[in-house]
Amino acid sequence: MKDKKKKQKGAEAATENSVARVTEIIASSAVSFEDAVAVGVARACKTLQNVTAAWVQDQTVEISDGKIQSYRVNLKVTFILKD
């Protein structure tokens, strides 16, 4: 049982000692909101290292002649900074 507690404390310490940054990106897709999120996450992972999470802050559509032209998402992307 003591070993288990030591392992948990070590994991908590690793989490406590990391520093994350959040950046905002806007991505779009002609297909869907889900595709726009996938496009945004893929692009963020191409540029940023240690991406751990993303959440949709806002969704909008671009409309022309009464039809949806594109789906846009504002994403907040979290990544862990290296030492």
C-alpha atoms as a PDB file:
ATOM      1  CA  MET A   1       0.000   0.000   0.000  1.00  0.00           C
ATOM      2  CA  LYS A   2       2.884   2.378   0.706  1.00  0.00           C
ATOM      3  CA  ASP A   3       4.277   1.768  -2.795  1.00  0.00           C
ATOM      4  CA  LYS A   4       0.931   2.700  -4.288  1.00  0.00           C
ATOM      5  CA  LYS A   5       0.886   5.997  -2.364  1.00  0.00           C
ATOM      6  CA  LYS A   6       4.445   6.777  -3.478  1.00  0.00           C
ATOM      7  CA  LYS A   7       3.511   6.214  -7.117  1.00  0.00           C
ATOM      8  CA  GLN A   8       0.456   8.453  -6.791  1.00  0.00           C
ATOM      9  CA  LYS A   9       2.502  11.220  -5.146  1.00  0.00           C
ATOM     10  CA  GLY A  10       5.062  10.996  -7.946  1.00  0.00           C
ATOM     11  CA  ALA A  11       2.355  11.325 -10.587  1.00  0.00           C
ATOM     12  CA  GLU A  12       0.837  14.279  -8.753  1.00  0.00           C
ATOM     13  CA  ALA A  13       4.244  15.931  -8.461  1.00  0.00           C
ATOM     14  CA  ALA A  14       4.806  15.589 -12.197  1.00  0.00           C
ATOM     15  CA  THR A  15       1.454  17.232 -12.840  1.00  0.00           C
ATOM     16  CA  GLU A  16       2.072  19.980 -10.301  1.00  0.00           C
ATOM     17  CA  ASN A  17       5.451  20.817 -11.808  1.00  0.00           C
ATOM     18  CA  SER A  18       4.288  21.223 -15.385  1.00  0.00           C
ATOM     19  CA  VAL A  19       3.303  24.523 -16.930  1.00  0.00           C
ATOM     20  CA  ALA A  20       0.741  24.748 -19.707  1.00  0.00           C
ATOM     21  CA  ARG A  21      -0.127  27.473 -22.151  1.00  0.00           C
ATOM     22  CA  VAL A  22      -3.417  28.043 -23.950  1.00  0.00           C
ATOM     23  CA  THR A  23      -3.582  29.532 -27.410  1.00  0.00           C
ATOM     24  CA  GLU A  24      -6.603  30.372 -29.544  1.00  0.00           C
ATOM     25  CA  ILE A  25      -6.988  29.313 -33.155  1.00  0.00           C
ATOM     26  CA  ILE A  26      -9.785  29.590 -35.697  1.00  0.00           C
ATOM     27  CA  ALA A  27     -10.375  26.731 -38.131  1.00  0.00           C
ATOM     28  CA  SER A  28     -12.933  26.241 -40.874  1.00  0.00           C
ATOM     29  CA  SER A  29     -14.365  23.482 -43.010  1.00  0.00           C
ATOM     30  CA  ALA A  30     -16.870  23.252 -45.832  1.00  0.00           C
ATOM     31  CA  VAL A  31     -18.063  19.906 -44.420  1.00  0.00           C
ATOM     32  CA  SER A  32     -19.054  20.288 -40.733  1.00  0.00           C
ATOM     33  CA  PHE A  33     -18.183  21.679 -37.309  1.00  0.00           C
ATOM     34  CA  GLU A  34     -16.648  18.324 -36.408  1.00  0.00           C
ATOM     35  CA  ASP A  35     -14.396  18.495 -39.454  1.00  0.00           C
ATOM     36  CA  ALA A  36     -13.427  22.085 -38.601  1.00  0.00           C
ATOM     37  CA  VAL A  37     -12.347  20.911 -35.125  1.00  0.00           C
ATOM     38  CA  ALA A  38     -10.320  18.073 -36.661  1.00  0.00           C
ATOM     39  CA  VAL A  39      -8.645  20.493 -39.078  1.00  0.00           C
ATOM     40  CA  GLY A  40      -7.816  22.883 -36.243  1.00  0.00           C
ATOM     41  CA  VAL A  41      -6.416  20.203 -33.936  1.00  0.00           C
ATOM     42  CA  ALA A  42      -4.333  18.670 -36.737  1.00  0.00           C
ATOM     43  CA  ARG A  43      -2.859  22.069 -37.591  1.00  0.00           C
ATOM     44  CA  ALA A  44      -2.165  22.895 -33.937  1.00  0.00           C
ATOM     45  CA  CYS A  45      -0.361  19.565 -33.469  1.00  0.00           C
ATOM     46  CA  LYS A  46       1.734  20.257 -36.566  1.00  0.00           C
ATOM     47  CA  THR A  47       3.000  23.549 -35.125  1.00  0.00           C
ATOM     48  CA  LEU A  48       2.838  23.109 -31.341  1.00  0.00           C
ATOM     49  CA  GLN A  49       4.516  20.436 -29.248  1.00  0.00           C
ATOM     50  CA  ASN A  50       2.910  18.585 -26.340  1.00  0.00           C
ATOM     51  CA  VAL A  51      -0.719  19.425 -27.235  1.00  0.00           C
ATOM     52  CA  THR A  52      -2.883  17.890 -24.518  1.00  0.00           C
ATOM     53  CA  ALA A  53      -6.380  19.313 -24.987  1.00  0.00           C
ATOM     54  CA  ALA A  54      -8.631  21.543 -27.033  1.00  0.00           C
ATOM     55  CA  TRP A  55     -12.101  22.898 -26.502  1.00  0.00           C
ATOM     56  CA  VAL A  56     -14.538  24.746 -28.718  1.00  0.00           C
ATOM     57  CA  GLN A  57     -15.088  28.263 -27.482  1.00  0.00           C
ATOM     58  CA  ASP A  58     -17.434  29.327 -30.283  1.00  0.00           C
ATOM     59  CA  GLN A  59     -19.011  28.063 -33.501  1.00  0.00           C
ATOM     60  CA  THR A  60     -20.183  30.132 -36.452  1.00  0.00           C
ATOM     61  CA  VAL A  61     -21.231  29.536 -40.035  1.00  0.00           C
ATOM     62  CA  GLU A  62     -20.526  31.616 -43.103  1.00  0.00           C
ATOM     63  CA  ILE A  63     -23.655  31.990 -45.219  1.00  0.00           C
ATOM     64  CA  SER A  64     -23.969  33.084 -48.832  1.00  0.00           C
ATOM     65  CA  ASP A  65     -27.184  33.137 -50.879  1.00  0.00           C
ATOM     66  CA  GLY A  66     -29.015  31.432 -48.027  1.00  0.00           C
ATOM     67  CA  LYS A  67     -26.637  28.450 -47.953  1.00  0.00           C
ATOM     68  CA  ILE A  68     -23.916  27.517 -45.505  1.00  0.00           C
ATOM     69  CA  GLN A  69     -20.548  28.040 -47.154  1.00  0.00           C
ATOM     70  CA  SER A  70     -18.288  27.086 -44.252  1.00  0.00           C
ATOM     71  CA  TYR A  71     -18.312  26.015 -40.619  1.00  0.00           C
ATOM     72  CA  ARG A  72     -15.929  27.860 -38.292  1.00  0.00           C
ATOM     73  CA  VAL A  73     -14.772  27.058 -34.794  1.00  0.00           C
ATOM     74  CA  ASN A  74     -12.766  29.078 -32.312  1.00  0.00           C
ATOM     75  CA  LEU A  75     -10.599  26.589 -30.435  1.00  0.00           C
ATOM     76  CA  LYS A  76      -8.638  26.995 -27.229  1.00  0.00           C
ATOM     77  CA  VAL A  77      -5.663  24.636 -27.477  1.00  0.00           C
ATOM     78  CA  THR A  78      -3.654  23.618 -24.417  1.00  0.00           C
ATOM     79  CA  PHE A  79      -0.052  22.508 -24.649  1.00  0.00           C
ATOM     80  CA  ILE A  80       2.591  21.743 -22.030  1.00  0.00           C
ATOM     81  CA  LEU A  81       5.718  23.900 -22.074  1.00  0.00           C
ATOM     82  CA  LYS A  82       9.056  22.131 -22.091  1.00  0.00           C
ATOM     83  CA  ASP A  83      11.654  22.842 -19.420  1.00  0.00           C
END
